[in-house]
Each structure stands twice: as structure tokens, then as C-alpha cells.
Amino acid sequence: MKIIQEIEDHIHDELKSGKKYIKCALKYKDENPKLGDMYYQLSMDTMLSVDKLHKMVVSIIEEYRLKNGEPPKEMLAVYNYLHDREIEKSKTIKNMQSMYK
């Protein structure tokens, strides 16, 4: 399904932004706490967006199952691959976020 790929692309973009923001937060944490806090919050916000987007993908897959049965193996393979990659990136960002506080 093309819509899943589109949402996965958005998730990828959000994760990239989240990592960029938390790196900036850590960079400015001591020298400019206000700026560091802003970047930290932006990073947290992007992770909320990632969660919302992921829930939508899961919902689309579940709706497909209800209407059509099991999704094509190729679609699930792509989803599983991207999902595993996103989990690793999310862990990295969350670890960096925990370093901030």
C-alpha cells in the first residue's frame, strides 16, 4: 500500500528531526539552557508525532485485515523492515533525551 510507504517516509523524517533536535539540546544544555530546553522539547514533540504516525500505520494494516484478510507478504515485509529500523532510531533518540535531563 502506497499510503503506508508515505507514512513511513514521514516517520523517517520525524526521527531524523528528533535526533537533530536532541543533539542541539545536548550541545546547548549548559551554555544556553533556555535554548537547550527548547530543542529538547522539539525532540520530544517529534517523538509524539512518530508515535501518532506509527499508530496510524498499525490502524491501516488492521483495517486491511478486517476487510481483505491478511495483507500481502511483501507489504508486511517492508513494514517490518522499516519498523525494526525505526525502533532502533527511536531507542537512540530516547537514550539521548534521557541524557538531557
PDB file of N, CA and C in Angstrom:
ATOM      1  N   MET A   1       0.833  -1.189   0.000  1.00  0.00           N
ATOM      2  CA  MET A   1       0.000   0.000   0.000  1.00  0.00           C
ATOM      3  C   MET A   1       0.873   1.247   0.000  1.00  0.00           C
ATOM      4  N   LYS A   2       0.586   2.100  -0.909  1.00  0.00           N
ATOM      5  CA  LYS A   2       1.369   3.323  -1.068  1.00  0.00           C
ATOM      6  C   LYS A   2       1.250   4.243   0.152  1.00  0.00           C
ATOM      7  N   ILE A   3       0.090   4.267   0.775  1.00  0.00           N
ATOM      8  CA  ILE A   3      -0.108   5.149   1.928  1.00  0.00           C
ATOM      9  C   ILE A   3       0.810   4.762   3.084  1.00  0.00           C
ATOM     10  N   ILE A   4       1.057   3.473   3.261  1.00  0.00           N
ATOM     11  CA  ILE A   4       1.955   3.042   4.332  1.00  0.00           C
ATOM     12  C   ILE A   4       3.363   3.548   4.065  1.00  0.00           C
ATOM     13  N   GLN A   5       3.810   3.443   2.823  1.00  0.00           N
ATOM     14  CA  GLN A   5       5.142   3.942   2.478  1.00  0.00           C
ATOM     15  C   GLN A   5       5.231   5.448   2.725  1.00  0.00           C
ATOM     16  N   GLU A   6       4.180   6.165   2.372  1.00  0.00           N
ATOM     17  CA  GLU A   6       4.173   7.611   2.598  1.00  0.00           C
ATOM     18  C   GLU A   6       4.294   7.937   4.083  1.00  0.00           C
ATOM     19  N   ILE A   7       3.519   7.247   4.909  1.00  0.00           N
ATOM     20  CA  ILE A   7       3.573   7.485   6.356  1.00  0.00           C
ATOM     21  C   ILE A   7       4.936   7.083   6.903  1.00  0.00           C
ATOM     22  N   GLU A   8       5.470   5.966   6.420  1.00  0.00           N
ATOM     23  CA  GLU A   8       6.800   5.537   6.865  1.00  0.00           C
ATOM     24  C   GLU A   8       7.850   6.578   6.510  1.00  0.00           C
ATOM     25  N   ASP A   9       7.715   7.216   5.358  1.00  0.00           N
ATOM     26  CA  ASP A   9       8.636   8.294   4.976  1.00  0.00           C
ATOM     27  C   ASP A   9       8.533   9.460   5.965  1.00  0.00           C
ATOM     28  N   HIS A  10       7.314   9.764   6.390  1.00  0.00           N
ATOM     29  CA  HIS A  10       7.132  10.838   7.382  1.00  0.00           C
ATOM     30  C   HIS A  10       7.756  10.449   8.718  1.00  0.00           C
ATOM     31  N   ILE A  11       7.596   9.193   9.105  1.00  0.00           N
ATOM     32  CA  ILE A  11       8.214   8.716  10.345  1.00  0.00           C
ATOM     33  C   ILE A  11       9.728   8.876  10.262  1.00  0.00           C
ATOM     34  N   HIS A  12      10.295   8.484   9.138  1.00  0.00           N
ATOM     35  CA  HIS A  12      11.741   8.618   8.937  1.00  0.00           C
ATOM     36  C   HIS A  12      12.164  10.080   9.093  1.00  0.00           C
ATOM     37  N   ASP A  13      11.420  10.995   8.476  1.00  0.00           N
ATOM     38  CA  ASP A  13      11.735  12.423   8.570  1.00  0.00           C
ATOM     39  C   ASP A  13      11.643  12.918  10.012  1.00  0.00           C
ATOM     40  N   GLU A  14      10.620  12.496  10.721  1.00  0.00           N
ATOM     41  CA  GLU A  14      10.446  12.913  12.117  1.00  0.00           C
ATOM     42  C   GLU A  14      11.590  12.407  12.988  1.00  0.00           C
ATOM     43  N   LEU A  15      11.994  11.154  12.771  1.00  0.00           N
ATOM     44  CA  LEU A  15      13.105  10.605  13.548  1.00  0.00           C
ATOM     45  C   LEU A  15      14.395  11.367  13.269  1.00  0.00           C
ATOM     46  N   LYS A  16      14.601  11.709  12.027  1.00  0.00           N
ATOM     47  CA  LYS A  16      15.783  12.489  11.656  1.00  0.00           C
ATOM     48  C   LYS A  16      15.762  13.847  12.372  1.00  0.00           C
ATOM     49  N   SER A  17      14.613  14.487  12.378  1.00  0.00           N
ATOM     50  CA  SER A  17      14.474  15.779  13.064  1.00  0.00           C
ATOM     51  C   SER A  17      14.644  15.617  14.567  1.00  0.00           C
ATOM     52  N   GLY A  18      14.042  14.596  15.118  1.00  0.00           N
ATOM     53  CA  GLY A  18      14.143  14.358  16.562  1.00  0.00           C
ATOM     54  C   GLY A  18      15.588  14.196  17.006  1.00  0.00           C
ATOM     55  N   LYS A  19      16.362  13.480  16.221  1.00  0.00           N
ATOM     56  CA  LYS A  19      17.775  13.287  16.559  1.00  0.00           C
ATOM     57  C   LYS A  19      18.542  14.593  16.429  1.00  0.00           C
ATOM     58  N   LYS A  20      18.247  15.349  15.392  1.00  0.00           N
ATOM     59  CA  LYS A  20      18.908  16.643  15.190  1.00  0.00           C
ATOM     60  C   LYS A  20      18.607  17.567  16.375  1.00  0.00           C
ATOM     61  N   TYR A  21      17.351  17.604  16.800  1.00  0.00           N
ATOM     62  CA  TYR A  21      16.964  18.477  17.906  1.00  0.00           C
ATOM     63  C   TYR A  21      17.616  18.068  19.221  1.00  0.00           C
ATOM     64  N   ILE A  22      17.662  16.779  19.499  1.00  0.00           N
ATOM     65  CA  ILE A  22      18.247  16.376  20.782  1.00  0.00           C
ATOM     66  C   ILE A  22      19.753  16.592  20.786  1.00  0.00           C
ATOM     67  N   LYS A  23      20.382  16.478  19.633  1.00  0.00           N
ATOM     68  CA  LYS A  23      21.819  16.805  19.563  1.00  0.00           C
ATOM     69  C   LYS A  23      22.032  18.281  19.897  1.00  0.00           C
ATOM     70  N   CYS A  24      21.178  19.139  19.354  1.00  0.00           N
ATOM     71  CA  CYS A  24      21.277  20.573  19.660  1.00  0.00           C
ATOM     72  C   CYS A  24      20.988  20.828  21.140  1.00  0.00           C
ATOM     73  N   ALA A  25      20.015  20.137  21.683  1.00  0.00           N
ATOM     74  CA  ALA A  25      19.680  20.309  23.100  1.00  0.00           C
ATOM     75  C   ALA A  25      20.886  19.984  23.969  1.00  0.00           C
ATOM     76  N   LEU A  26      21.545  18.877  23.664  1.00  0.00           N
ATOM     77  CA  LEU A  26      22.716  18.489  24.444  1.00  0.00           C
ATOM     78  C   LEU A  26      23.867  19.474  24.259  1.00  0.00           C
ATOM     79  N   LYS A  27      23.990  19.996  23.064  1.00  0.00           N
ATOM     80  CA  LYS A  27      25.041  20.967  22.769  1.00  0.00           C
ATOM     81  C   LYS A  27      24.858  22.245  23.597  1.00  0.00           C
ATOM     82  N   TYR A  28      23.612  22.713  23.697  1.00  0.00           N
ATOM     83  CA  TYR A  28      23.337  23.984  24.366  1.00  0.00           C
ATOM     84  C   TYR A  28      22.901  23.850  25.819  1.00  0.00           C
ATOM     85  N   LYS A  29      22.811  22.642  26.304  1.00  0.00           N
ATOM     86  CA  LYS A  29      22.298  22.389  27.651  1.00  0.00           C
ATOM     87  C   LYS A  29      22.956  23.281  28.715  1.00  0.00           C
ATOM     88  N   ASP A  30      24.278  23.372  28.699  1.00  0.00           N
ATOM     89  CA  ASP A  30      24.984  24.127  29.737  1.00  0.00           C
ATOM     90  C   ASP A  30      25.213  25.584  29.358  1.00  0.00           C
ATOM     91  N   GLU A  31      25.545  25.838  28.090  1.00  0.00           N
ATOM     92  CA  GLU A  31      25.897  27.206  27.713  1.00  0.00           C
ATOM     93  C   GLU A  31      24.678  28.106  27.513  1.00  0.00           C
ATOM     94  N   ASN A  32      23.535  27.507  27.154  1.00  0.00           N
ATOM     95  CA  ASN A  32      22.308  28.282  26.953  1.00  0.00           C
ATOM     96  C   ASN A  32      21.111  27.377  27.279  1.00  0.00           C
ATOM     97  N   PRO A  33      20.824  27.214  28.577  1.00  0.00           N
ATOM     98  CA  PRO A  33      19.773  26.282  28.999  1.00  0.00           C
ATOM     99  C   PRO A  33      18.405  26.531  28.370  1.00  0.00           C
ATOM    100  N   LYS A  34      18.067  27.779  28.155  1.00  0.00           N
ATOM    101  CA  LYS A  34      16.765  28.095  27.546  1.00  0.00           C
ATOM    102  C   LYS A  34      16.699  27.525  26.125  1.00  0.00           C
ATOM    103  N   LEU A  35      17.761  27.717  25.366  1.00  0.00           N
ATOM    104  CA  LEU A  35      17.827  27.177  24.012  1.00  0.00           C
ATOM    105  C   LEU A  35      17.865  25.646  24.044  1.00  0.00           C
ATOM    106  N   GLY A  36      18.633  25.103  24.971  1.00  0.00           N
ATOM    107  CA  GLY A  36      18.689  23.651  25.127  1.00  0.00           C
ATOM    108  C   GLY A  36      17.322  23.064  25.438  1.00  0.00           C
ATOM    109  N   ASP A  37      16.597  23.718  26.345  1.00  0.00           N
ATOM    110  CA  ASP A  37      15.248  23.254  26.699  1.00  0.00           C
ATOM    111  C   ASP A  37      14.305  23.287  25.498  1.00  0.00           C
ATOM    112  N   MET A  38      14.433  24.345  24.685  1.00  0.00           N
ATOM    113  CA  MET A  38      13.573  24.442  23.507  1.00  0.00           C
ATOM    114  C   MET A  38      13.849  23.270  22.554  1.00  0.00           C
ATOM    115  N   TYR A  39      15.129  23.013  22.291  1.00  0.00           N
ATOM    116  CA  TYR A  39      15.469  21.903  21.405  1.00  0.00           C
ATOM    117  C   TYR A  39      15.050  20.561  21.996  1.00  0.00           C
ATOM    118  N   TYR A  40      15.181  20.423  23.298  1.00  0.00           N
ATOM    119  CA  TYR A  40      14.737  19.190  23.955  1.00  0.00           C
ATOM    120  C   TYR A  40      13.236  18.991  23.736  1.00  0.00           C
ATOM    121  N   GLN A  41      12.468  20.059  23.924  1.00  0.00           N
ATOM    122  CA  GLN A  41      11.011  19.951  23.748  1.00  0.00           C
ATOM    123  C   GLN A  41      10.654  19.642  22.299  1.00  0.00           C
ATOM    124  N   LEU A  42      11.375  20.243  21.355  1.00  0.00           N
ATOM    125  CA  LEU A  42      11.131  19.922  19.945  1.00  0.00           C
ATOM    126  C   LEU A  42      11.397  18.439  19.676  1.00  0.00           C
ATOM    127  N   SER A  43      12.445  17.917  20.272  1.00  0.00           N
ATOM    128  CA  SER A  43      12.752  16.500  20.116  1.00  0.00           C
ATOM    129  C   SER A  43      11.640  15.627  20.700  1.00  0.00           C
ATOM    130  N   MET A  44      11.146  16.019  21.862  1.00  0.00           N
ATOM    131  CA  MET A  44      10.048  15.274  22.481  1.00  0.00           C
ATOM    132  C   MET A  44       8.797  15.333  21.607  1.00  0.00           C
ATOM    133  N   ASP A  45       8.526  16.499  21.054  1.00  0.00           N
ATOM    134  CA  ASP A  45       7.354  16.667  20.192  1.00  0.00           C
ATOM    135  C   ASP A  45       7.451  15.792  18.944  1.00  0.00           C
ATOM    136  N   THR A  46       8.641  15.693  18.367  1.00  0.00           N
ATOM    137  CA  THR A  46       8.777  14.860  17.170  1.00  0.00           C
ATOM    138  C   THR A  46       8.528  13.391  17.508  1.00  0.00           C
ATOM    139  N   MET A  47       8.913  12.980  18.704  1.00  0.00           N
ATOM    140  CA  MET A  47       8.675  11.586  19.080  1.00  0.00           C
ATOM    141  C   MET A  47       7.182  11.321  19.287  1.00  0.00           C
ATOM    142  N   LEU A  48       6.456  12.334  19.724  1.00  0.00           N
ATOM    143  CA  LEU A  48       4.994  12.191  19.801  1.00  0.00           C
ATOM    144  C   LEU A  48       4.408  12.035  18.402  1.00  0.00           C
ATOM    145  N   SER A  49       4.940  12.800  17.453  1.00  0.00           N
ATOM    146  CA  SER A  49       4.486  12.670  16.064  1.00  0.00           C
ATOM    147  C   SER A  49       4.797  11.286  15.515  1.00  0.00           C
ATOM    148  N   VAL A  50       5.969  10.776  15.821  1.00  0.00           N
ATOM    149  CA  VAL A  50       6.340   9.423  15.384  1.00  0.00           C
ATOM    150  C   VAL A  50       5.335   8.410  15.915  1.00  0.00           C
ATOM    151  N   ASP A  51       4.974   8.546  17.184  1.00  0.00           N
ATOM    152  CA  ASP A  51       4.019   7.620  17.789  1.00  0.00           C
ATOM    153  C   ASP A  51       2.657   7.694  17.099  1.00  0.00           C
ATOM    154  N   LYS A  52       2.195   8.899  16.818  1.00  0.00           N
ATOM    155  CA  LYS A  52       0.906   9.063  16.132  1.00  0.00           C
ATOM    156  C   LYS A  52       0.932   8.453  14.732  1.00  0.00           C
ATOM    157  N   LEU A  53       2.007   8.711  14.013  1.00  0.00           N
ATOM    158  CA  LEU A  53       2.133   8.165  12.661  1.00  0.00           C
ATOM    159  C   LEU A  53       2.194   6.638  12.696  1.00  0.00           C
ATOM    160  N   HIS A  54       2.946   6.107  13.640  1.00  0.00           N
ATOM    161  CA  HIS A  54       3.043   4.653  13.757  1.00  0.00           C
ATOM    162  C   HIS A  54       1.678   4.033  14.068  1.00  0.00           C
ATOM    163  N   LYS A  55       0.949   4.646  14.971  1.00  0.00           N
ATOM    164  CA  LYS A  55      -0.384   4.130  15.306  1.00  0.00           C
ATOM    165  C   LYS A  55      -1.295   4.138  14.078  1.00  0.00           C
ATOM    166  N   MET A  56      -1.137   5.122  13.218  1.00  0.00           N
ATOM    167  CA  MET A  56      -1.943   5.174  12.002  1.00  0.00           C
ATOM    168  C   MET A  56      -1.590   4.028  11.062  1.00  0.00           C
ATOM    169  N   VAL A  57      -0.318   3.741  10.919  1.00  0.00           N
ATOM    170  CA  VAL A  57       0.086   2.609  10.070  1.00  0.00           C
ATOM    171  C   VAL A  57      -0.499   1.310  10.601  1.00  0.00           C
ATOM    172  N   VAL A  58      -0.398   1.106  11.897  1.00  0.00           N
ATOM    173  CA  VAL A  58      -0.959  -0.107  12.511  1.00  0.00           C
ATOM    174  C   VAL A  58      -2.464  -0.162  12.268  1.00  0.00           C
ATOM    175  N   SER A  59      -3.133   0.968  12.395  1.00  0.00           N
ATOM    176  CA  SER A  59      -4.572   1.025  12.155  1.00  0.00           C
ATOM    177  C   SER A  59      -4.928   0.678  10.707  1.00  0.00           C
ATOM    178  N   ILE A  60      -4.158   1.199   9.767  1.00  0.00           N
ATOM    179  CA  ILE A  60      -4.402   0.912   8.349  1.00  0.00           C
ATOM    180  C   ILE A  60      -4.226  -0.574   8.070  1.00  0.00           C
ATOM    181  N   ILE A  61      -3.202  -1.160   8.651  1.00  0.00           N
ATOM    182  CA  ILE A  61      -2.975  -2.603   8.456  1.00  0.00           C
ATOM    183  C   ILE A  61      -4.115  -3.407   9.067  1.00  0.00           C
ATOM    184  N   GLU A  62      -4.559  -3.011  10.248  1.00  0.00           N
ATOM    185  CA  GLU A  62      -5.660  -3.730  10.894  1.00  0.00           C
ATOM    186  C   GLU A  62      -6.958  -3.598  10.091  1.00  0.00           C
ATOM    187  N   GLU A  63      -7.219  -2.410   9.585  1.00  0.00           N
ATOM    188  CA  GLU A  63      -8.413  -2.215   8.740  1.00  0.00           C
ATOM    189  C   GLU A  63      -8.334  -3.090   7.495  1.00  0.00           C
ATOM    190  N   TYR A  64      -7.156  -3.168   6.910  1.00  0.00           N
ATOM    191  CA  TYR A  64      -6.963  -4.010   5.732  1.00  0.00           C
ATOM    192  C   TYR A  64      -7.275  -5.460   6.085  1.00  0.00           C
ATOM    193  N   ARG A  65      -6.788  -5.918   7.233  1.00  0.00           N
ATOM    194  CA  ARG A  65      -7.045  -7.303   7.671  1.00  0.00           C
ATOM    195  C   ARG A  65      -8.535  -7.578   7.819  1.00  0.00           C
ATOM    196  N   LEU A  66      -9.237  -6.625   8.407  1.00  0.00           N
ATOM    197  CA  LEU A  66     -10.671  -6.822   8.622  1.00  0.00           C
ATOM    198  C   LEU A  66     -11.447  -6.905   7.310  1.00  0.00           C
ATOM    199  N   LYS A  67     -11.043  -6.112   6.328  1.00  0.00           N
ATOM    200  CA  LYS A  67     -11.755  -6.065   5.056  1.00  0.00           C
ATOM    201  C   LYS A  67     -11.290  -7.121   4.057  1.00  0.00           C
ATOM    202  N   ASN A  68      -9.990  -7.408   4.059  1.00  0.00           N
ATOM    203  CA  ASN A  68      -9.422  -8.226   2.985  1.00  0.00           C
ATOM    204  C   ASN A  68      -8.661  -9.466   3.441  1.00  0.00           C
ATOM    205  N   GLY A  69      -8.560  -9.681   4.736  1.00  0.00           N
ATOM    206  CA  GLY A  69      -7.729 -10.779   5.215  1.00  0.00           C
ATOM    207  C   GLY A  69      -6.294 -10.320   5.385  1.00  0.00           C
ATOM    208  N   GLU A  70      -5.418 -11.272   5.447  1.00  0.00           N
ATOM    209  CA  GLU A  70      -4.006 -10.961   5.692  1.00  0.00           C
ATOM    210  C   GLU A  70      -3.418 -10.113   4.559  1.00  0.00           C
ATOM    211  N   PRO A  71      -2.672  -9.049   4.927  1.00  0.00           N
ATOM    212  CA  PRO A  71      -2.044  -8.215   3.885  1.00  0.00           C
ATOM    213  C   PRO A  71      -1.007  -9.014   3.096  1.00  0.00           C
ATOM    214  N   PRO A  72      -0.682  -8.548   1.905  1.00  0.00           N
ATOM    215  CA  PRO A  72       0.348  -9.232   1.117  1.00  0.00           C
ATOM    216  C   PRO A  72       1.661  -9.324   1.892  1.00  0.00           C
ATOM    217  N   LYS A  73       2.345 -10.442   1.731  1.00  0.00           N
ATOM    218  CA  LYS A  73       3.607 -10.660   2.455  1.00  0.00           C
ATOM    219  C   LYS A  73       4.621  -9.568   2.144  1.00  0.00           C
ATOM    220  N   GLU A  74       4.638  -9.090   0.917  1.00  0.00           N
ATOM    221  CA  GLU A  74       5.593  -8.050   0.538  1.00  0.00           C
ATOM    222  C   GLU A  74       5.350  -6.768   1.327  1.00  0.00           C
ATOM    223  N   MET A  75       4.079  -6.412   1.497  1.00  0.00           N
ATOM    224  CA  MET A  75       3.726  -5.212   2.242  1.00  0.00           C
ATOM    225  C   MET A  75       4.169  -5.358   3.703  1.00  0.00           C
ATOM    226  N   LEU A  76       3.901  -6.508   4.286  1.00  0.00           N
ATOM    227  CA  LEU A  76       4.293  -6.727   5.680  1.00  0.00           C
ATOM    228  C   LEU A  76       5.810  -6.778   5.828  1.00  0.00           C
ATOM    229  N   ALA A  77       6.491  -7.324   4.843  1.00  0.00           N
ATOM    230  CA  ALA A  77       7.952  -7.401   4.900  1.00  0.00           C
ATOM    231  C   ALA A  77       8.557  -5.998   4.905  1.00  0.00           C
ATOM    232  N   VAL A  78       8.036  -5.140   4.053  1.00  0.00           N
ATOM    233  CA  VAL A  78       8.522  -3.754   4.008  1.00  0.00           C
ATOM    234  C   VAL A  78       8.216  -3.061   5.329  1.00  0.00           C
ATOM    235  N   TYR A  79       6.990  -3.225   5.806  1.00  0.00           N
ATOM    236  CA  TYR A  79       6.612  -2.603   7.070  1.00  0.00           C
ATOM    237  C   TYR A  79       7.510  -3.091   8.203  1.00  0.00           C
ATOM    238  N   ASN A  80       7.704  -4.398   8.300  1.00  0.00           N
ATOM    239  CA  ASN A  80       8.520  -4.963   9.383  1.00  0.00           C
ATOM    240  C   ASN A  80       9.957  -4.464   9.322  1.00  0.00           C
ATOM    241  N   TYR A  81      10.510  -4.393   8.129  1.00  0.00           N
ATOM    242  CA  TYR A  81      11.871  -3.892   7.966  1.00  0.00           C
ATOM    243  C   TYR A  81      11.969  -2.444   8.444  1.00  0.00           C
ATOM    244  N   LEU A  82      11.060  -1.596   7.961  1.00  0.00           N
ATOM    245  CA  LEU A  82      11.086  -0.190   8.340  1.00  0.00           C
ATOM    246  C   LEU A  82      10.799  -0.004   9.828  1.00  0.00           C
ATOM    247  N   HIS A  83       9.888  -0.795  10.343  1.00  0.00           N
ATOM    248  CA  HIS A  83       9.532  -0.706  11.753  1.00  0.00           C
ATOM    249  C   HIS A  83      10.735  -1.059  12.633  1.00  0.00           C
ATOM    250  N   ASP A  84      11.445  -2.113  12.291  1.00  0.00           N
ATOM    251  CA  ASP A  84      12.626  -2.501  13.066  1.00  0.00           C
ATOM    252  C   ASP A  84      13.675  -1.390  13.047  1.00  0.00           C
ATOM    253  N   ARG A  85      13.863  -0.788  11.884  1.00  0.00           N
ATOM    254  CA  ARG A  85      14.822   0.313  11.763  1.00  0.00           C
ATOM    255  C   ARG A  85      14.381   1.509  12.617  1.00  0.00           C
ATOM    256  N   GLU A  86      13.086   1.789  12.619  1.00  0.00           N
ATOM    257  CA  GLU A  86      12.560   2.903  13.408  1.00  0.00           C
ATOM    258  C   GLU A  86      12.709   2.659  14.902  1.00  0.00           C
ATOM    259  N   ILE A  87      12.532   1.434  15.320  1.00  0.00           N
ATOM    260  CA  ILE A  87      12.682   1.107  16.742  1.00  0.00           C
ATOM    261  C   ILE A  87      14.101   1.431  17.196  1.00  0.00           C
ATOM    262  N   GLU A  88      15.086   1.042  16.407  1.00  0.00           N
ATOM    263  CA  GLU A  88      16.477   1.315  16.762  1.00  0.00           C
ATOM    264  C   GLU A  88      16.755   2.821  16.812  1.00  0.00           C
ATOM    265  N   LYS A  89      16.268   3.551  15.843  1.00  0.00           N
ATOM    266  CA  LYS A  89      16.469   5.003  15.836  1.00  0.00           C
ATOM    267  C   LYS A  89      15.753   5.652  17.019  1.00  0.00           C
ATOM    268  N   SER A  90      14.559   5.171  17.334  1.00  0.00           N
ATOM    269  CA  SER A  90      13.813   5.709  18.474  1.00  0.00           C
ATOM    270  C   SER A  90      14.564   5.470  19.775  1.00  0.00           C
ATOM    271  N   LYS A  91      15.135   4.288  19.934  1.00  0.00           N
ATOM    272  CA  LYS A  91      15.909   3.974  21.144  1.00  0.00           C
ATOM    273  C   LYS A  91      17.078   4.941  21.294  1.00  0.00           C
ATOM    274  N   THR A  92      17.771   5.196  20.200  1.00  0.00           N
ATOM    275  CA  THR A  92      18.908   6.117  20.235  1.00  0.00           C
ATOM    276  C   THR A  92      18.465   7.502  20.679  1.00  0.00           C
ATOM    277  N   ILE A  93      17.376   7.983  20.098  1.00  0.00           N
ATOM    278  CA  ILE A  93      16.881   9.321  20.448  1.00  0.00           C
ATOM    279  C   ILE A  93      16.438   9.362  21.903  1.00  0.00           C
ATOM    280  N   LYS A  94      15.717   8.348  22.348  1.00  0.00           N
ATOM    281  CA  LYS A  94      15.249   8.327  23.738  1.00  0.00           C
ATOM    282  C   LYS A  94      16.414   8.255  24.719  1.00  0.00           C
ATOM    283  N   ASN A  95      17.453   7.522  24.362  1.00  0.00           N
ATOM    284  CA  ASN A  95      18.648   7.477  25.211  1.00  0.00           C
ATOM    285  C   ASN A  95      19.298   8.861  25.300  1.00  0.00           C
ATOM    286  N   MET A  96      19.363   9.541  24.171  1.00  0.00           N
ATOM    287  CA  MET A  96      19.933  10.889  24.167  1.00  0.00           C
ATOM    288  C   MET A  96      19.047  11.846  24.967  1.00  0.00           C
ATOM    289  N   GLN A  97      17.739  11.689  24.858  1.00  0.00           N
ATOM    290  CA  GLN A  97      16.822  12.526  25.625  1.00  0.00           C
ATOM    291  C   GLN A  97      17.012  12.294  27.131  1.00  0.00           C
ATOM    292  N   SER A  98      17.245  11.055  27.518  1.00  0.00           N
ATOM    293  CA  SER A  98      17.456  10.777  28.944  1.00  0.00           C
ATOM    294  C   SER A  98      18.760  11.395  29.445  1.00  0.00           C
ATOM    295  N   MET A  99      19.722  11.579  28.544  1.00  0.00           N
ATOM    296  CA  MET A  99      20.979  12.232  28.920  1.00  0.00           C
ATOM    297  C   MET A  99      20.772  13.721  29.192  1.00  0.00           C
ATOM    298  N   TYR A 100      19.742  14.285  28.593  1.00  0.00           N
ATOM    299  CA  TYR A 100      19.495  15.718  28.744  1.00  0.00           C
ATOM    300  C   TYR A 100      19.007  16.056  30.142  1.00  0.00           C
ATOM    301  N   LYS A 101      18.123  15.250  30.663  1.00  0.00           N
ATOM    302  CA  LYS A 101      17.531  15.571  31.981  1.00  0.00           C
ATOM    303  C   LYS A 101      18.309  15.018  33.106  1.00  0.00           C
TER     304      LYS A 101
END
